[in-house]
Amino acid sequence: MKAGKAFTRSTCGAMALVAGLALLAVPPRAVAQNATSPVVQVRASGSVSQVLGRLKRMVASNGMMVMGELHQGKVIAMTGLHVNSETIFVGNPQVGKQLFAADPGVGLVVPVRINVFQDAQGGTVVSYVPPSTILGAFHNPTVDHVAQMLDGKLHNLVGMLGGQ
């Protein structure tokens, strides 16, 4: 999509349809979500840094960008606890524009946060909270619509990392 192009309802509808269809390409067990928790966790092949690198490339090739990084493992190491954990914040300025126009409070949620960490068994896990889970609290139909599209995009991206 060209920079500066305004999103219309039909554009968003088409994007949501494409995102929904793309989900069909993801293996059904690639993305796991516990019924009692909104957190989605996917086991991924490779180290935290390898998975993070693949994720960043996938984000860039899917019309989004990394807007920030949080090196949690390095920060928490100051307390004596050693954790291999990295978080990236991903988004698309045009999608953000639509969300912020609908409700500036969405800045609490967007850009979307994705965490990659090493679990207690030594495996690499990619986790996120589906945007619709949090953005639903704004009770705004435009925000809800875009959030559903973002859910599909994240599901697809993170699902492609599954495989361990």
N, C-alpha and C. Protein backbone atom coordinates (compact mmCIF):
# COMPACT_ATOMS: atom_id res chain seq x y z
N MET A 1 0.84 -1.17 0.00
CA MET A 1 0.00 0.00 0.00
C MET A 1 0.89 1.24 0.00
N LYS A 2 0.56 2.21 -0.84
CA LYS A 2 1.37 3.41 -0.95
C LYS A 2 1.24 4.27 0.28
N ALA A 3 2.35 4.91 0.66
CA ALA A 3 2.34 5.81 1.81
C ALA A 3 1.39 6.95 1.52
N GLY A 4 0.65 7.35 2.52
CA GLY A 4 -0.23 8.49 2.41
C GLY A 4 -1.62 8.13 1.93
N LYS A 5 -1.85 6.93 1.46
CA LYS A 5 -3.17 6.53 1.00
C LYS A 5 -4.08 6.33 2.21
N ALA A 6 -5.22 6.97 2.18
CA ALA A 6 -6.17 6.86 3.29
C ALA A 6 -6.84 5.49 3.27
N PHE A 7 -7.09 4.95 4.43
CA PHE A 7 -7.80 3.69 4.55
C PHE A 7 -9.29 3.99 4.49
N THR A 8 -10.00 3.25 3.67
CA THR A 8 -11.45 3.37 3.62
C THR A 8 -12.02 2.10 4.23
N ARG A 9 -13.32 2.13 4.47
CA ARG A 9 -13.94 0.92 5.02
C ARG A 9 -13.75 -0.26 4.07
N SER A 10 -13.86 -0.01 2.75
CA SER A 10 -13.69 -1.12 1.80
C SER A 10 -12.24 -1.61 1.79
N THR A 11 -11.28 -0.69 1.93
CA THR A 11 -9.87 -1.09 1.99
C THR A 11 -9.63 -1.95 3.22
N CYS A 12 -10.13 -1.49 4.37
CA CYS A 12 -9.94 -2.27 5.60
C CYS A 12 -10.65 -3.61 5.51
N GLY A 13 -11.85 -3.60 4.90
CA GLY A 13 -12.57 -4.85 4.75
C GLY A 13 -11.80 -5.83 3.89
N ALA A 14 -11.23 -5.32 2.80
CA ALA A 14 -10.45 -6.18 1.92
C ALA A 14 -9.20 -6.68 2.64
N MET A 15 -8.56 -5.79 3.42
CA MET A 15 -7.37 -6.21 4.15
C MET A 15 -7.72 -7.27 5.19
N ALA A 16 -8.85 -7.10 5.86
CA ALA A 16 -9.26 -8.08 6.86
C ALA A 16 -9.54 -9.43 6.19
N LEU A 17 -10.17 -9.39 5.00
CA LEU A 17 -10.44 -10.62 4.27
C LEU A 17 -9.14 -11.31 3.88
N VAL A 18 -8.18 -10.54 3.36
CA VAL A 18 -6.89 -11.11 2.98
C VAL A 18 -6.19 -11.70 4.21
N ALA A 19 -6.22 -10.94 5.33
CA ALA A 19 -5.59 -11.45 6.56
C ALA A 19 -6.27 -12.74 7.01
N GLY A 20 -7.59 -12.76 6.92
CA GLY A 20 -8.33 -13.96 7.32
C GLY A 20 -7.99 -15.15 6.44
N LEU A 21 -7.91 -14.92 5.12
CA LEU A 21 -7.55 -16.00 4.21
C LEU A 21 -6.13 -16.47 4.45
N ALA A 22 -5.25 -15.54 4.78
CA ALA A 22 -3.85 -15.91 5.04
C ALA A 22 -3.75 -16.84 6.24
N LEU A 23 -4.68 -16.70 7.17
CA LEU A 23 -4.66 -17.55 8.36
C LEU A 23 -4.85 -19.02 8.00
N LEU A 24 -5.54 -19.26 6.90
CA LEU A 24 -5.77 -20.63 6.49
C LEU A 24 -4.47 -21.33 6.12
N ALA A 25 -3.44 -20.55 5.79
CA ALA A 25 -2.15 -21.13 5.41
C ALA A 25 -1.31 -21.52 6.62
N VAL A 26 -1.70 -21.07 7.81
CA VAL A 26 -0.94 -21.35 9.01
C VAL A 26 -1.40 -22.69 9.59
N PRO A 27 -0.47 -23.59 9.88
CA PRO A 27 -0.85 -24.86 10.48
C PRO A 27 -1.69 -24.64 11.74
N PRO A 28 -2.76 -25.42 11.95
CA PRO A 28 -3.68 -25.16 13.05
C PRO A 28 -3.05 -25.18 14.44
N ARG A 29 -1.98 -25.91 14.67
CA ARG A 29 -1.37 -25.96 15.99
C ARG A 29 -0.16 -25.04 16.13
N ALA A 30 0.11 -24.23 15.09
CA ALA A 30 1.29 -23.37 15.12
C ALA A 30 1.15 -22.26 16.16
N VAL A 31 -0.06 -21.77 16.34
CA VAL A 31 -0.29 -20.70 17.29
C VAL A 31 -1.19 -21.24 18.40
N ALA A 32 -0.71 -21.14 19.64
CA ALA A 32 -1.46 -21.68 20.77
C ALA A 32 -1.91 -20.57 21.69
N GLN A 33 -3.16 -20.63 22.09
CA GLN A 33 -3.69 -19.67 23.04
C GLN A 33 -4.46 -20.46 24.09
N ASN A 34 -4.09 -20.26 25.34
CA ASN A 34 -4.73 -20.93 26.45
C ASN A 34 -6.12 -20.32 26.64
N ALA A 35 -7.13 -21.16 26.86
CA ALA A 35 -8.50 -20.68 27.01
C ALA A 35 -8.66 -19.73 28.20
N THR A 36 -7.79 -19.81 29.20
CA THR A 36 -7.93 -18.95 30.38
C THR A 36 -7.04 -17.72 30.32
N SER A 37 -6.23 -17.59 29.27
CA SER A 37 -5.31 -16.47 29.16
C SER A 37 -5.38 -15.89 27.76
N PRO A 38 -5.34 -14.57 27.64
CA PRO A 38 -5.35 -13.97 26.31
C PRO A 38 -3.99 -14.03 25.61
N VAL A 39 -2.96 -14.47 26.30
CA VAL A 39 -1.61 -14.48 25.74
C VAL A 39 -1.47 -15.62 24.74
N VAL A 40 -0.98 -15.29 23.54
CA VAL A 40 -0.68 -16.29 22.52
C VAL A 40 0.80 -16.59 22.62
N GLN A 41 1.14 -17.88 22.65
CA GLN A 41 2.54 -18.29 22.71
C GLN A 41 2.81 -19.35 21.65
N VAL A 42 3.92 -19.16 20.95
CA VAL A 42 4.32 -20.08 19.89
C VAL A 42 5.76 -20.48 20.12
N ARG A 43 6.02 -21.78 20.13
CA ARG A 43 7.41 -22.26 20.21
C ARG A 43 8.01 -22.11 18.83
N ALA A 44 9.22 -21.58 18.77
CA ALA A 44 9.88 -21.31 17.49
C ALA A 44 11.23 -21.99 17.44
N SER A 45 11.66 -22.33 16.25
CA SER A 45 12.96 -22.96 16.05
C SER A 45 14.07 -21.92 16.08
N GLY A 46 15.14 -22.21 16.81
CA GLY A 46 16.30 -21.33 16.85
C GLY A 46 16.42 -20.60 18.17
N SER A 47 17.51 -19.88 18.30
CA SER A 47 17.75 -19.10 19.52
C SER A 47 16.87 -17.85 19.54
N VAL A 48 16.85 -17.18 20.67
CA VAL A 48 16.08 -15.94 20.78
C VAL A 48 16.55 -14.94 19.72
N SER A 49 17.85 -14.78 19.57
CA SER A 49 18.35 -13.79 18.59
C SER A 49 18.04 -14.22 17.16
N GLN A 50 18.10 -15.51 16.86
CA GLN A 50 17.77 -15.97 15.51
C GLN A 50 16.29 -15.75 15.20
N VAL A 51 15.43 -16.11 16.14
CA VAL A 51 13.99 -15.94 15.95
C VAL A 51 13.65 -14.45 15.85
N LEU A 52 14.26 -13.64 16.68
CA LEU A 52 14.03 -12.20 16.64
C LEU A 52 14.44 -11.64 15.27
N GLY A 53 15.55 -12.09 14.75
CA GLY A 53 15.99 -11.65 13.42
C GLY A 53 15.00 -12.03 12.33
N ARG A 54 14.53 -13.29 12.37
CA ARG A 54 13.53 -13.73 11.38
C ARG A 54 12.25 -12.93 11.53
N LEU A 55 11.82 -12.70 12.76
CA LEU A 55 10.59 -11.95 13.01
C LEU A 55 10.71 -10.53 12.46
N LYS A 56 11.82 -9.88 12.70
CA LYS A 56 12.02 -8.51 12.20
C LYS A 56 11.96 -8.48 10.67
N ARG A 57 12.56 -9.46 10.02
CA ARG A 57 12.52 -9.50 8.56
C ARG A 57 11.10 -9.73 8.07
N MET A 58 10.37 -10.62 8.74
CA MET A 58 9.00 -10.89 8.35
C MET A 58 8.12 -9.66 8.55
N VAL A 59 8.33 -8.96 9.65
CA VAL A 59 7.57 -7.73 9.92
C VAL A 59 7.78 -6.75 8.77
N ALA A 60 9.04 -6.54 8.39
CA ALA A 60 9.37 -5.59 7.33
C ALA A 60 8.79 -6.02 5.98
N SER A 61 8.78 -7.30 5.71
CA SER A 61 8.28 -7.77 4.41
C SER A 61 6.76 -7.87 4.37
N ASN A 62 6.10 -7.59 5.48
CA ASN A 62 4.64 -7.66 5.53
C ASN A 62 4.01 -6.30 5.80
N GLY A 63 4.67 -5.25 5.36
CA GLY A 63 4.08 -3.92 5.42
C GLY A 63 4.09 -3.25 6.78
N MET A 64 4.88 -3.79 7.71
CA MET A 64 4.97 -3.18 9.03
C MET A 64 6.41 -2.78 9.29
N MET A 65 6.65 -2.21 10.45
CA MET A 65 8.00 -1.83 10.81
C MET A 65 8.21 -2.00 12.30
N VAL A 66 9.46 -2.23 12.68
CA VAL A 66 9.81 -2.29 14.10
C VAL A 66 9.95 -0.84 14.56
N MET A 67 9.15 -0.44 15.52
CA MET A 67 9.13 0.94 15.98
C MET A 67 9.89 1.13 17.29
N GLY A 68 10.32 0.04 17.88
CA GLY A 68 11.08 0.13 19.11
C GLY A 68 11.47 -1.25 19.60
N GLU A 69 12.44 -1.26 20.48
CA GLU A 69 12.92 -2.52 21.07
C GLU A 69 13.15 -2.32 22.55
N LEU A 70 12.89 -3.37 23.31
CA LEU A 70 13.13 -3.36 24.74
C LEU A 70 13.94 -4.60 25.08
N HIS A 71 15.15 -4.40 25.55
CA HIS A 71 16.06 -5.50 25.86
C HIS A 71 15.88 -5.88 27.34
N GLN A 72 14.78 -6.58 27.61
CA GLN A 72 14.42 -6.89 28.99
C GLN A 72 15.45 -7.74 29.70
N GLY A 73 16.04 -8.69 28.99
CA GLY A 73 17.04 -9.55 29.62
C GLY A 73 18.20 -8.75 30.17
N LYS A 74 18.66 -7.76 29.42
CA LYS A 74 19.78 -6.93 29.85
C LYS A 74 19.40 -6.08 31.06
N VAL A 75 18.20 -5.56 31.06
CA VAL A 75 17.75 -4.71 32.16
C VAL A 75 17.56 -5.53 33.43
N ILE A 76 16.90 -6.67 33.31
CA ILE A 76 16.61 -7.48 34.49
C ILE A 76 17.89 -8.11 35.04
N ALA A 77 18.93 -8.25 34.22
CA ALA A 77 20.22 -8.80 34.69
C ALA A 77 20.82 -7.94 35.79
N MET A 78 20.45 -6.65 35.83
CA MET A 78 20.95 -5.76 36.88
C MET A 78 20.49 -6.21 38.26
N THR A 79 19.45 -7.04 38.32
CA THR A 79 18.93 -7.54 39.59
C THR A 79 19.56 -8.88 39.98
N GLY A 80 20.36 -9.43 39.06
CA GLY A 80 20.97 -10.73 39.32
C GLY A 80 20.24 -11.89 38.66
N LEU A 81 19.07 -11.63 38.07
CA LEU A 81 18.33 -12.67 37.37
C LEU A 81 18.73 -12.64 35.89
N HIS A 82 19.06 -13.81 35.35
CA HIS A 82 19.47 -13.88 33.95
C HIS A 82 18.36 -14.51 33.13
N VAL A 83 17.76 -13.69 32.28
CA VAL A 83 16.65 -14.11 31.42
C VAL A 83 16.98 -13.68 30.00
N ASN A 84 16.74 -14.55 29.06
CA ASN A 84 16.95 -14.21 27.65
C ASN A 84 15.59 -13.79 27.10
N SER A 85 15.34 -12.48 27.05
CA SER A 85 14.04 -11.95 26.66
C SER A 85 14.21 -10.63 25.92
N GLU A 86 13.59 -10.55 24.76
CA GLU A 86 13.63 -9.34 23.94
C GLU A 86 12.21 -9.02 23.48
N THR A 87 11.88 -7.75 23.48
CA THR A 87 10.56 -7.31 23.03
C THR A 87 10.72 -6.31 21.91
N ILE A 88 9.89 -6.46 20.88
CA ILE A 88 9.84 -5.46 19.83
C ILE A 88 8.43 -4.89 19.76
N PHE A 89 8.36 -3.65 19.30
CA PHE A 89 7.08 -2.97 19.11
C PHE A 89 6.91 -2.79 17.61
N VAL A 90 5.84 -3.35 17.06
CA VAL A 90 5.64 -3.32 15.62
C VAL A 90 4.35 -2.59 15.26
N GLY A 91 4.38 -1.97 14.10
CA GLY A 91 3.20 -1.27 13.64
C GLY A 91 3.35 -0.80 12.21
N ASN A 92 2.35 -0.09 11.76
CA ASN A 92 2.31 0.51 10.44
C ASN A 92 1.75 1.91 10.64
N PRO A 93 2.50 2.95 10.26
CA PRO A 93 2.03 4.31 10.50
C PRO A 93 0.65 4.62 9.91
N GLN A 94 0.34 4.05 8.74
CA GLN A 94 -0.98 4.32 8.14
C GLN A 94 -2.10 3.68 8.97
N VAL A 95 -1.86 2.47 9.47
CA VAL A 95 -2.85 1.82 10.33
C VAL A 95 -2.95 2.58 11.65
N GLY A 96 -1.79 2.99 12.17
CA GLY A 96 -1.77 3.78 13.40
C GLY A 96 -2.55 5.08 13.23
N LYS A 97 -2.42 5.71 12.09
CA LYS A 97 -3.15 6.95 11.81
C LYS A 97 -4.65 6.72 11.93
N GLN A 98 -5.12 5.62 11.36
CA GLN A 98 -6.55 5.31 11.42
C GLN A 98 -6.99 5.07 12.87
N LEU A 99 -6.19 4.34 13.62
CA LEU A 99 -6.53 4.06 15.01
C LEU A 99 -6.51 5.33 15.85
N PHE A 100 -5.47 6.14 15.72
CA PHE A 100 -5.35 7.36 16.52
C PHE A 100 -6.44 8.36 16.15
N ALA A 101 -6.87 8.39 14.87
CA ALA A 101 -7.96 9.28 14.47
C ALA A 101 -9.26 8.86 15.14
N ALA A 102 -9.44 7.55 15.31
CA ALA A 102 -10.65 7.03 15.94
C ALA A 102 -10.65 7.25 17.45
N ASP A 103 -9.47 7.12 18.08
CA ASP A 103 -9.35 7.32 19.53
C ASP A 103 -7.87 7.45 19.89
N PRO A 104 -7.42 8.65 20.24
CA PRO A 104 -6.00 8.84 20.56
C PRO A 104 -5.51 8.00 21.74
N GLY A 105 -6.40 7.48 22.54
CA GLY A 105 -6.01 6.64 23.68
C GLY A 105 -5.40 5.31 23.27
N VAL A 106 -5.49 4.95 21.98
CA VAL A 106 -4.94 3.67 21.53
C VAL A 106 -3.43 3.62 21.69
N GLY A 107 -2.81 4.77 21.95
CA GLY A 107 -1.36 4.79 22.15
C GLY A 107 -0.93 3.91 23.30
N LEU A 108 -1.87 3.56 24.15
CA LEU A 108 -1.59 2.62 25.24
C LEU A 108 -1.28 1.23 24.70
N VAL A 109 -1.79 0.91 23.53
CA VAL A 109 -1.72 -0.44 22.98
C VAL A 109 -0.86 -0.53 21.72
N VAL A 110 -0.88 0.49 20.90
CA VAL A 110 -0.13 0.46 19.64
C VAL A 110 1.07 1.39 19.73
N PRO A 111 2.19 1.02 19.16
CA PRO A 111 2.41 -0.18 18.37
C PRO A 111 2.30 -1.45 19.22
N VAL A 112 2.06 -2.54 18.53
CA VAL A 112 1.85 -3.84 19.18
C VAL A 112 3.17 -4.40 19.70
N ARG A 113 3.08 -5.01 20.86
CA ARG A 113 4.26 -5.56 21.55
C ARG A 113 4.35 -7.07 21.30
N ILE A 114 5.53 -7.54 20.85
CA ILE A 114 5.79 -8.97 20.67
C ILE A 114 7.04 -9.32 21.47
N ASN A 115 6.93 -10.35 22.31
CA ASN A 115 8.04 -10.77 23.16
C ASN A 115 8.61 -12.10 22.67
N VAL A 116 9.93 -12.18 22.62
CA VAL A 116 10.63 -13.43 22.26
C VAL A 116 11.52 -13.76 23.45
N PHE A 117 11.35 -14.98 23.99
CA PHE A 117 12.13 -15.34 25.18
C PHE A 117 12.48 -16.82 25.18
N GLN A 118 13.46 -17.14 26.02
CA GLN A 118 13.85 -18.53 26.22
C GLN A 118 13.11 -19.04 27.45
N ASP A 119 12.40 -20.16 27.29
CA ASP A 119 11.65 -20.69 28.42
C ASP A 119 12.52 -21.58 29.31
N ALA A 120 11.95 -22.10 30.38
CA ALA A 120 12.69 -22.90 31.36
C ALA A 120 13.28 -24.17 30.76
N GLN A 121 12.71 -24.66 29.67
CA GLN A 121 13.22 -25.87 29.02
C GLN A 121 14.28 -25.54 27.96
N GLY A 122 14.60 -24.27 27.78
CA GLY A 122 15.61 -23.85 26.81
C GLY A 122 15.07 -23.58 25.42
N GLY A 123 13.75 -23.71 25.26
CA GLY A 123 13.15 -23.43 23.96
C GLY A 123 12.87 -21.94 23.78
N THR A 124 12.68 -21.56 22.55
CA THR A 124 12.38 -20.16 22.24
C THR A 124 10.87 -20.03 22.03
N VAL A 125 10.30 -19.01 22.66
CA VAL A 125 8.87 -18.77 22.60
C VAL A 125 8.63 -17.35 22.12
N VAL A 126 7.66 -17.20 21.23
CA VAL A 126 7.22 -15.89 20.77
C VAL A 126 5.83 -15.68 21.34
N SER A 127 5.61 -14.53 21.98
CA SER A 127 4.30 -14.31 22.60
C SER A 127 3.81 -12.89 22.36
N TYR A 128 2.49 -12.76 22.38
CA TYR A 128 1.84 -11.47 22.24
C TYR A 128 0.41 -11.58 22.75
N VAL A 129 -0.20 -10.45 23.01
CA VAL A 129 -1.62 -10.40 23.34
C VAL A 129 -2.32 -9.88 22.08
N PRO A 130 -3.32 -10.61 21.57
CA PRO A 130 -4.01 -10.14 20.37
C PRO A 130 -4.51 -8.70 20.58
N PRO A 131 -4.23 -7.81 19.63
CA PRO A 131 -4.65 -6.41 19.80
C PRO A 131 -6.13 -6.24 20.13
N SER A 132 -6.99 -7.08 19.55
CA SER A 132 -8.43 -6.93 19.81
C SER A 132 -8.77 -7.14 21.28
N THR A 133 -7.96 -7.94 21.98
CA THR A 133 -8.21 -8.20 23.39
C THR A 133 -8.13 -6.92 24.21
N ILE A 134 -7.16 -6.08 23.88
CA ILE A 134 -6.96 -4.85 24.63
C ILE A 134 -7.73 -3.69 24.00
N LEU A 135 -7.69 -3.61 22.66
CA LEU A 135 -8.35 -2.50 21.98
C LEU A 135 -9.87 -2.55 22.11
N GLY A 136 -10.42 -3.73 22.41
CA GLY A 136 -11.86 -3.84 22.62
C GLY A 136 -12.35 -2.98 23.76
N ALA A 137 -11.47 -2.65 24.69
CA ALA A 137 -11.84 -1.81 25.83
C ALA A 137 -12.20 -0.39 25.42
N PHE A 138 -11.86 0.01 24.19
CA PHE A 138 -12.18 1.36 23.73
C PHE A 138 -13.61 1.48 23.22
N HIS A 139 -14.28 0.35 23.01
CA HIS A 139 -15.68 0.33 22.57
C HIS A 139 -15.90 1.26 21.38
N ASN A 140 -15.05 1.10 20.36
CA ASN A 140 -15.11 1.94 19.18
C ASN A 140 -15.13 1.01 17.96
N PRO A 141 -16.18 1.06 17.15
CA PRO A 141 -16.28 0.14 16.01
C PRO A 141 -15.10 0.22 15.04
N THR A 142 -14.58 1.41 14.79
CA THR A 142 -13.43 1.54 13.89
C THR A 142 -12.21 0.87 14.50
N VAL A 143 -11.97 1.11 15.77
CA VAL A 143 -10.84 0.50 16.47
C VAL A 143 -11.01 -1.02 16.48
N ASP A 144 -12.21 -1.49 16.75
CA ASP A 144 -12.47 -2.93 16.77
C ASP A 144 -12.17 -3.57 15.41
N HIS A 145 -12.60 -2.91 14.35
CA HIS A 145 -12.40 -3.44 13.00
C HIS A 145 -10.90 -3.57 12.68
N VAL A 146 -10.15 -2.52 12.96
CA VAL A 146 -8.71 -2.54 12.69
C VAL A 146 -8.02 -3.56 13.60
N ALA A 147 -8.47 -3.66 14.84
CA ALA A 147 -7.87 -4.62 15.78
C ALA A 147 -8.03 -6.04 15.27
N GLN A 148 -9.17 -6.37 14.71
CA GLN A 148 -9.38 -7.71 14.16
C GLN A 148 -8.41 -7.98 13.02
N MET A 149 -8.19 -6.96 12.17
CA MET A 149 -7.23 -7.10 11.08
C MET A 149 -5.83 -7.34 11.64
N LEU A 150 -5.45 -6.59 12.68
CA LEU A 150 -4.14 -6.76 13.30
C LEU A 150 -3.99 -8.14 13.93
N ASP A 151 -5.06 -8.63 14.56
CA ASP A 151 -5.04 -9.99 15.12
C ASP A 151 -4.65 -11.00 14.04
N GLY A 152 -5.28 -10.90 12.89
CA GLY A 152 -5.01 -11.83 11.79
C GLY A 152 -3.58 -11.72 11.30
N LYS A 153 -3.10 -10.51 11.19
CA LYS A 153 -1.73 -10.30 10.70
C LYS A 153 -0.71 -10.90 11.69
N LEU A 154 -0.91 -10.65 12.98
CA LEU A 154 0.01 -11.20 13.98
C LEU A 154 -0.07 -12.72 14.03
N HIS A 155 -1.28 -13.24 13.97
CA HIS A 155 -1.47 -14.69 13.99
C HIS A 155 -0.69 -15.33 12.85
N ASN A 156 -0.79 -14.73 11.68
CA ASN A 156 -0.10 -15.27 10.52
C ASN A 156 1.42 -15.17 10.67
N LEU A 157 1.90 -13.99 11.06
CA LEU A 157 3.35 -13.80 11.21
C LEU A 157 3.95 -14.75 12.25
N VAL A 158 3.37 -14.75 13.42
CA VAL A 158 3.92 -15.56 14.51
C VAL A 158 3.73 -17.04 14.21
N GLY A 159 2.63 -17.38 13.58
CA GLY A 159 2.40 -18.78 13.21
C GLY A 159 3.46 -19.33 12.28
N MET A 160 4.00 -18.46 11.41
CA MET A 160 5.04 -18.90 10.49
C MET A 160 6.35 -19.19 11.21
N LEU A 161 6.49 -18.70 12.44
CA LEU A 161 7.71 -18.96 13.22
C LEU A 161 7.65 -20.29 13.95
N GLY A 162 6.45 -20.85 14.09
CA GLY A 162 6.27 -22.11 14.81
C GLY A 162 7.07 -23.23 14.16
N GLY A 163 7.42 -24.22 14.96
CA GLY A 163 8.10 -25.34 14.34
C GLY A 163 9.03 -26.09 15.25
N GLN A 164 8.99 -25.85 16.53
CA GLN A 164 9.89 -26.59 17.41
C GLN A 164 9.13 -27.65 18.13
